[in-house]
Each structure stands twice: as C-alpha cells, then as structure tokens.
Amino acid sequence: MDAARESIARYQKAQAPRPAFDETKEWTLTKTLKPDWKPGDGAASSEWQQHAKIGIDPFEPGRPAHSNYKLLISAVVPRPIGFLSTVSGDGTRTNVAPFSYFELVADEPPTFVISVSGELKDTVSNLAETGEGVLNVVSEWFVDAANYTAITAPPDVSEWDLSGLHPAPATKVRPPLVAESAFNIETKVVDVFDVKSPRTGAVVSRVFVLEGIHFHAREDVINEDRSMLDIAKLKPVGRIGGIMYCRVSDGFEIPRYNYDQQYEDEPAVRAIVNRE
C-alpha cells in the first residue's frame, strides 16, 4: 500500500511542472522529413551510423523477465489500446479494461488479437464463458477514465462505476459498448491459445483471436459512405513506454509505389536494379 502511495506521489510531483494539455491543437498534415527522397536514398539522417548496437539476450541468466517487459513496451510504439468490455456467462457482472497488447490483423473478416498478460483476470473468464467482447477505441476525451479501469479492483466492484464511463447496448453480442467511445467493434472469440514462459513453463499470457461482427461509429466522426473515420475528430490515444500515452496531432502521407511504374519512370530504380 505504501509503495502504491509513493508511486502516485512521484507521479504528481513529476506532473506538476508540465505544461497543460493543449486542447486547441488541431490535426495537421506536414511534409515528410525528406520530401525530395528518391529510391536508394535510405534514411533521411545519418545519425544511425554514429552509434553501435548492443546485443541483448532476453533469457540471459540473471536478467529479470520484467526488464523485457519494460524494454518491449518502450520499443514497439505507439501501440493501439484494446479497450475491451465483457460480461460474465450468467450476465451478472460486466467488466471493462484496457490492454496494450492488441492489434488489427485482417479485414476480411475483421480480425483482431488481444493478449491478457500476467494475472489472468475477469476478462479471461468472461471471454471463455461467453465468447464475446466489445473493442472500444480510446480517444483523448475519456483516456483518464479508460486508464482508471485498469485498477486492481475486486470482482464485485464495477470498473464502470469507478471510472464514470457508461455502458450502452450492443447489437449482436451481450457485452455493452463504451458509450463515450466514437468507434466500437462487437466481436466473437474464434481462437485462443496460451503463451508459456520458457523459464518456468507457466502460462504468462492468454491470446484471444477476435472476429469483428458489427461496428458502431459516432455520426460526426465517420464519412458519408461509412468507409473512413476522421482522425481529427476521433483524436485517438496510444500507449508508449512506462505509464506514458501519446496523442495523434499531426502526420504525413507517403504513397504506395508500383514497381513496374517506378522502373519505367524513375532512372534511380533502373540504375539500382541494373547495377552490376
């Protein structure tokens, strides 16, 4: 308990001098770092040449497993948040929790993976009992509430009540939507497998493969033909290292290239391909 209080106190001390959240910042598109990049140019900066690589064996004797966790969540960034709502088999308990081991892996059918690591919590038992869940995209306006649902509350305490978030009825599954979310995905479990530690053989993560079977989009965030969301209005939030989150405030576009067209139109491509 004292360690938890000390952690919050350190956070509050670090937070105090930081500038306020800039609500006026709008989504913008910029040029890339090197707008005149051409085939064969490689990186836009040569800084990478000035530093040696350090080899790391994740299972080196004496290396704590937690070191791998901290390293990986600071390297594989930004990560989308799998904000998942579930319900128990008897329908008496609903749960909502964020997971940063989450990704879209296919669109036909819509397929996602989400991993529950460490202590296997209510989410695991709910998914096992019902085979259903709702993924809710996390946006700036409710990230504090979404984060709070990760609290280690006992099973009989509602994360919905603690966070102040509101459940809304889904269409094809039993778990509720997070009403505050601008995009919700109703899903069913199509596969599940365990990840075991090579050190101990114990199950350390349970990975669920989820198929999206119904979508919900806030009317002002989706375009007219219902094929794309407006990122300026969605204001998504992602996870990075430690306890940090990131927002999406600006971006740039890079086209997908066709090899035949590039070979015909770009001398640099022909020079690279035909180089002896």
Protein backbone atom coordinates (compact mmCIF):
# COMPACT_ATOMS: atom_id res chain seq x y z
CA MET A 1 0.00 0.00 0.00
CA ASP A 2 2.78 2.44 0.92
CA ALA A 3 4.58 1.67 -2.34
CA ALA A 4 1.42 2.48 -4.29
CA ARG A 5 1.05 5.81 -2.46
CA GLU A 6 4.72 6.63 -3.10
CA SER A 7 4.26 5.88 -6.80
CA ILE A 8 1.29 8.25 -7.05
CA ALA A 9 3.22 10.92 -5.12
CA ARG A 10 6.17 10.64 -7.54
CA TYR A 11 3.79 10.94 -10.49
CA GLN A 12 2.11 14.03 -9.02
CA LYS A 13 5.48 15.66 -8.36
CA ALA A 14 6.67 14.99 -11.91
CA GLN A 15 3.33 16.10 -13.36
CA ALA A 16 3.20 19.47 -11.57
CA PRO A 17 5.69 21.47 -13.74
CA ARG A 18 4.48 20.09 -17.07
CA PRO A 19 2.54 22.35 -19.44
CA ALA A 20 -1.23 22.00 -19.58
CA PHE A 21 -2.85 19.73 -22.16
CA ASP A 22 -3.30 21.79 -25.33
CA GLU A 23 -6.94 21.29 -26.32
CA THR A 24 -6.58 23.81 -29.17
CA LYS A 25 -4.04 21.70 -31.05
CA GLU A 26 -5.57 20.55 -34.33
CA TRP A 27 -4.73 17.66 -36.64
CA THR A 28 -2.42 18.77 -39.45
CA LEU A 29 -0.64 17.10 -42.34
CA THR A 30 3.01 18.01 -42.90
CA LYS A 31 5.64 17.09 -45.45
CA THR A 32 7.88 14.11 -44.65
CA LEU A 33 11.32 14.70 -43.12
CA LYS A 34 12.90 14.39 -46.58
CA PRO A 35 10.34 15.43 -49.23
CA ASP A 36 12.89 15.02 -52.04
CA TRP A 37 13.69 11.40 -51.08
CA LYS A 38 14.32 9.15 -54.09
CA PRO A 39 14.86 5.39 -54.49
CA GLY A 40 18.14 4.29 -52.97
CA ASP A 41 18.47 7.30 -50.62
CA GLY A 42 17.91 5.25 -47.46
CA ALA A 43 17.47 7.05 -44.14
CA ALA A 44 16.87 10.79 -44.00
CA SER A 45 19.56 11.14 -41.32
CA SER A 46 22.99 9.58 -40.91
CA GLU A 47 22.86 9.63 -37.11
CA TRP A 48 22.32 5.85 -37.04
CA GLN A 49 25.88 5.41 -38.31
CA GLN A 50 27.33 7.09 -35.23
CA HIS A 51 26.18 4.54 -32.66
CA ALA A 52 26.98 0.87 -32.08
CA LYS A 53 24.30 -1.76 -31.45
CA ILE A 54 24.06 -3.54 -28.09
CA GLY A 55 23.07 -7.21 -28.20
CA ILE A 56 20.51 -8.31 -25.61
CA ASP A 57 19.62 -11.91 -24.81
CA PRO A 58 16.10 -11.83 -23.33
CA PHE A 59 16.85 -15.04 -21.41
CA GLU A 60 20.33 -14.15 -20.21
CA PRO A 61 20.94 -15.63 -16.75
CA GLY A 62 20.14 -13.06 -14.12
CA ARG A 63 18.07 -10.84 -16.43
CA PRO A 64 14.65 -10.23 -14.83
CA ALA A 65 11.67 -11.00 -17.04
CA HIS A 66 10.28 -7.56 -16.13
CA SER A 67 13.24 -5.98 -17.94
CA ASN A 68 11.97 -7.48 -21.19
CA TYR A 69 8.52 -6.09 -20.50
CA LYS A 70 9.82 -2.56 -19.92
CA LEU A 71 12.11 -2.75 -22.94
CA LEU A 72 9.48 -4.03 -25.36
CA ILE A 73 6.69 -1.63 -24.40
CA SER A 74 9.10 1.26 -24.96
CA ALA A 75 10.25 -0.15 -28.33
CA VAL A 76 7.06 -1.34 -30.00
CA VAL A 77 5.35 2.05 -30.08
CA PRO A 78 2.89 3.55 -30.41
CA ARG A 79 0.51 0.70 -29.63
CA PRO A 80 -3.27 0.90 -30.01
CA ILE A 81 -5.25 0.25 -26.85
CA GLY A 82 -7.52 -2.79 -26.73
CA PHE A 83 -10.23 -1.33 -24.53
CA LEU A 84 -12.40 -4.39 -24.10
CA SER A 85 -15.79 -4.75 -22.45
CA THR A 86 -17.03 -8.20 -21.47
CA VAL A 87 -19.78 -9.82 -19.42
CA SER A 88 -19.89 -12.98 -17.31
CA GLY A 89 -21.71 -16.05 -18.55
CA ASP A 90 -24.62 -15.52 -16.17
CA GLY A 91 -24.86 -11.85 -17.16
CA THR A 92 -24.45 -10.58 -13.60
CA ARG A 93 -21.01 -8.95 -13.94
CA THR A 94 -19.75 -6.65 -16.67
CA ASN A 95 -16.10 -5.72 -16.98
CA VAL A 96 -14.19 -3.13 -18.98
CA ALA A 97 -10.38 -2.97 -19.10
CA PRO A 98 -7.56 -1.64 -21.32
CA PHE A 99 -4.90 -3.91 -22.87
CA SER A 100 -1.84 -2.65 -24.74
CA TYR A 101 -1.09 -6.00 -26.38
CA PHE A 102 -3.67 -5.53 -29.12
CA GLU A 103 -3.78 -5.28 -32.90
CA LEU A 104 -5.88 -5.47 -36.07
CA VAL A 105 -4.54 -8.37 -38.17
CA ALA A 106 -7.06 -8.80 -41.02
CA ASP A 107 -10.08 -7.08 -42.55
CA GLU A 108 -11.90 -9.93 -44.35
CA PRO A 109 -13.23 -10.97 -41.93
CA PRO A 110 -12.27 -8.19 -39.49
CA THR A 111 -9.85 -9.95 -37.14
CA PHE A 112 -8.05 -8.76 -34.03
CA VAL A 113 -5.72 -10.25 -31.45
CA ILE A 114 -5.64 -9.24 -27.81
CA SER A 115 -3.38 -10.66 -25.14
CA VAL A 116 -4.06 -10.73 -21.42
CA SER A 117 -0.74 -10.98 -19.60
CA GLY A 118 0.25 -11.60 -16.03
CA GLU A 119 -2.58 -12.48 -13.69
CA LEU A 120 -5.46 -13.83 -15.79
CA LYS A 121 -8.33 -11.57 -14.78
CA ASP A 122 -12.10 -11.24 -15.19
CA THR A 123 -11.68 -10.54 -18.91
CA VAL A 124 -10.30 -14.04 -19.47
CA SER A 125 -13.10 -15.83 -17.63
CA ASN A 126 -15.75 -13.65 -19.28
CA LEU A 127 -14.40 -14.31 -22.78
CA ALA A 128 -14.16 -18.02 -22.01
CA GLU A 129 -17.74 -18.14 -20.73
CA THR A 130 -19.46 -16.07 -23.44
CA GLY A 131 -17.03 -15.98 -26.39
CA GLU A 132 -17.96 -12.33 -26.88
CA GLY A 133 -16.46 -8.89 -26.29
CA VAL A 134 -16.59 -5.29 -27.50
CA LEU A 135 -13.49 -3.36 -28.53
CA ASN A 136 -13.79 0.38 -27.92
CA VAL A 137 -11.39 2.91 -29.49
CA VAL A 138 -9.88 5.19 -26.82
CA SER A 139 -9.89 8.93 -27.54
CA GLU A 140 -8.49 11.97 -25.76
CA TRP A 141 -11.75 12.97 -24.10
CA PHE A 142 -12.01 9.84 -21.94
CA VAL A 143 -8.46 8.48 -21.66
CA ASP A 144 -8.29 9.24 -17.91
CA ALA A 145 -11.41 7.19 -17.29
CA ALA A 146 -10.21 4.36 -19.55
CA ASN A 147 -6.88 4.25 -17.74
CA TYR A 148 -8.62 4.06 -14.36
CA THR A 149 -10.40 0.85 -15.32
CA ALA A 150 -7.01 -0.91 -15.10
CA ILE A 151 -7.24 -0.57 -11.31
CA THR A 152 -6.94 -3.86 -9.41
CA ALA A 153 -10.49 -3.81 -8.08
CA PRO A 154 -12.12 -6.96 -6.63
CA PRO A 155 -14.59 -8.81 -8.88
CA ASP A 156 -17.65 -7.40 -7.12
CA VAL A 157 -16.56 -3.76 -7.70
CA SER A 158 -17.61 -2.21 -11.01
CA GLU A 159 -14.95 -0.52 -13.17
CA TRP A 160 -17.83 1.27 -14.89
CA ASP A 161 -18.82 2.97 -11.65
CA LEU A 162 -15.24 3.72 -10.61
CA SER A 163 -14.37 5.31 -13.95
CA GLY A 164 -17.69 7.08 -14.56
CA LEU A 165 -17.98 5.53 -18.04
CA HIS A 166 -21.37 4.49 -19.40
CA PRO A 167 -22.37 1.11 -20.89
CA ALA A 168 -24.64 1.10 -23.94
CA PRO A 169 -26.47 -1.86 -25.51
CA ALA A 170 -24.67 -3.75 -28.28
CA THR A 171 -26.50 -5.17 -31.31
CA LYS A 172 -25.22 -8.73 -31.76
CA VAL A 173 -23.32 -9.55 -28.55
CA ARG A 174 -24.10 -9.48 -24.84
CA PRO A 175 -21.28 -7.22 -23.55
CA PRO A 176 -22.05 -3.48 -23.66
CA LEU A 177 -20.39 -0.77 -25.71
CA VAL A 178 -18.49 2.05 -24.03
CA ALA A 179 -20.87 4.90 -24.88
CA GLU A 180 -18.10 7.52 -24.74
CA SER A 181 -16.09 5.77 -27.48
CA ALA A 182 -16.51 7.10 -31.04
CA PHE A 183 -15.94 3.65 -32.58
CA ASN A 184 -16.93 0.27 -31.16
CA ILE A 185 -16.41 -3.21 -32.57
CA GLU A 186 -18.61 -6.09 -31.46
CA THR A 187 -16.55 -9.29 -31.59
CA LYS A 188 -16.72 -13.01 -31.04
CA VAL A 189 -13.85 -15.28 -30.00
CA VAL A 190 -12.68 -17.52 -32.85
CA ASP A 191 -9.49 -18.88 -31.29
CA VAL A 192 -7.47 -18.78 -28.08
CA PHE A 193 -4.03 -20.02 -27.15
CA ASP A 194 -1.65 -19.74 -24.22
CA VAL A 195 1.88 -18.35 -24.19
CA LYS A 196 4.16 -20.14 -21.73
CA SER A 197 7.35 -18.90 -20.13
CA PRO A 198 10.45 -20.78 -21.35
CA ARG A 199 11.91 -20.17 -17.88
CA THR A 200 9.16 -21.78 -15.80
CA GLY A 201 6.69 -23.36 -18.21
CA ALA A 202 3.89 -21.37 -16.60
CA VAL A 203 1.17 -19.68 -18.67
CA VAL A 204 2.09 -15.97 -18.75
CA SER A 205 -0.35 -14.72 -21.40
CA ARG A 206 -3.57 -15.82 -22.99
CA VAL A 207 -4.08 -14.66 -26.56
CA PHE A 208 -7.57 -14.29 -27.99
CA VAL A 209 -8.34 -14.03 -31.69
CA LEU A 210 -11.48 -11.95 -32.12
CA GLU A 211 -13.65 -11.54 -35.22
CA GLY A 212 -15.46 -8.24 -35.64
CA ILE A 213 -19.13 -8.83 -36.44
CA HIS A 214 -20.67 -5.37 -36.02
CA PHE A 215 -19.41 -1.77 -35.89
CA HIS A 216 -20.72 1.40 -34.25
CA ALA A 217 -19.41 4.84 -35.31
CA ARG A 218 -20.34 8.25 -33.96
CA GLU A 219 -22.16 10.09 -36.73
CA ASP A 220 -19.87 13.13 -36.79
CA VAL A 221 -16.65 11.06 -36.93
CA ILE A 222 -17.38 8.82 -39.96
CA ASN A 223 -17.56 9.93 -43.60
CA GLU A 224 -20.68 9.84 -45.76
CA ASP A 225 -20.12 6.40 -47.34
CA ARG A 226 -19.17 4.95 -43.93
CA SER A 227 -15.71 3.85 -45.13
CA MET A 228 -13.35 6.06 -43.10
CA LEU A 229 -13.13 7.88 -39.78
CA ASP A 230 -11.97 11.49 -39.47
CA ILE A 231 -8.82 11.30 -37.35
CA ALA A 232 -9.13 14.99 -36.50
CA LYS A 233 -12.39 14.18 -34.71
CA LEU A 234 -11.52 10.68 -33.49
CA LYS A 235 -8.47 12.01 -31.58
CA PRO A 236 -7.12 8.51 -30.82
CA VAL A 237 -4.73 7.78 -27.96
CA GLY A 238 -1.97 5.15 -27.98
CA ARG A 239 0.38 3.57 -25.45
CA ILE A 240 4.13 4.09 -25.34
CA GLY A 241 6.78 3.19 -22.74
CA GLY A 242 6.25 3.14 -18.99
CA ILE A 243 2.96 4.76 -17.97
CA MET A 244 3.01 7.11 -20.96
CA TYR A 245 0.32 7.64 -23.56
CA CYS A 246 0.53 9.54 -26.85
CA ARG A 247 -1.93 11.54 -28.89
CA VAL A 248 -2.12 11.91 -32.67
CA SER A 249 -1.81 15.59 -33.60
CA ASP A 250 -0.02 15.62 -36.93
CA GLY A 251 1.01 13.26 -39.67
CA PHE A 252 2.28 12.95 -43.21
CA GLU A 253 1.42 10.89 -46.26
CA ILE A 254 3.67 8.54 -48.23
CA PRO A 255 2.27 6.81 -51.35
CA ARG A 256 2.38 3.08 -52.10
CA TYR A 257 4.56 2.53 -55.16
CA ASN A 258 4.05 0.23 -58.13
CA TYR A 259 7.29 -1.47 -59.21
CA ASP A 260 6.56 -1.54 -62.96
CA GLN A 261 5.63 2.13 -62.99
CA GLN A 262 8.65 3.06 -60.89
CA TYR A 263 11.02 1.05 -63.10
CA GLU A 264 9.69 2.85 -66.14
CA ASP A 265 9.56 6.37 -64.70
CA GLU A 266 12.44 6.52 -62.19
CA PRO A 267 16.03 6.37 -63.52
CA ALA A 268 17.24 5.72 -59.96
CA VAL A 269 15.23 2.48 -59.80
CA ARG A 270 16.61 1.25 -63.12
CA ALA A 271 20.14 2.14 -62.00
CA ILE A 272 19.74 0.14 -58.76
CA VAL A 273 18.21 -2.89 -60.48
CA ASN A 274 20.68 -2.96 -63.35
CA ARG A 275 23.73 -2.24 -61.21
CA GLU A 276 26.47 -4.81 -61.75
